[in-house]
């Protein structure tokens, strides 16, 4: 068994993950079945992760609008 000097934690790792809010988007318009499932799922995530999860919608273009928005999003951006 290999032991390292750094123990169980990686260097520079945060103590708590996730450490900031999460934006969760649905590719369908608000008020529909997919949106309701998304919002129900968000409440469970908040309880499990103990962090704020913000539901949102990005409909249009056969889900392409949502996919492009996620592809160009900067994951390290501060709020």
Foldseek 3Di string as FASTA:
>chain_A
DDDDPVHPDDPPDDPAPPPAEAEAEDQDDPPDPSNVVVVVVQVVCCVVRVYHYHYYYNYDDPSVRVVVCVVPDDPPDDD
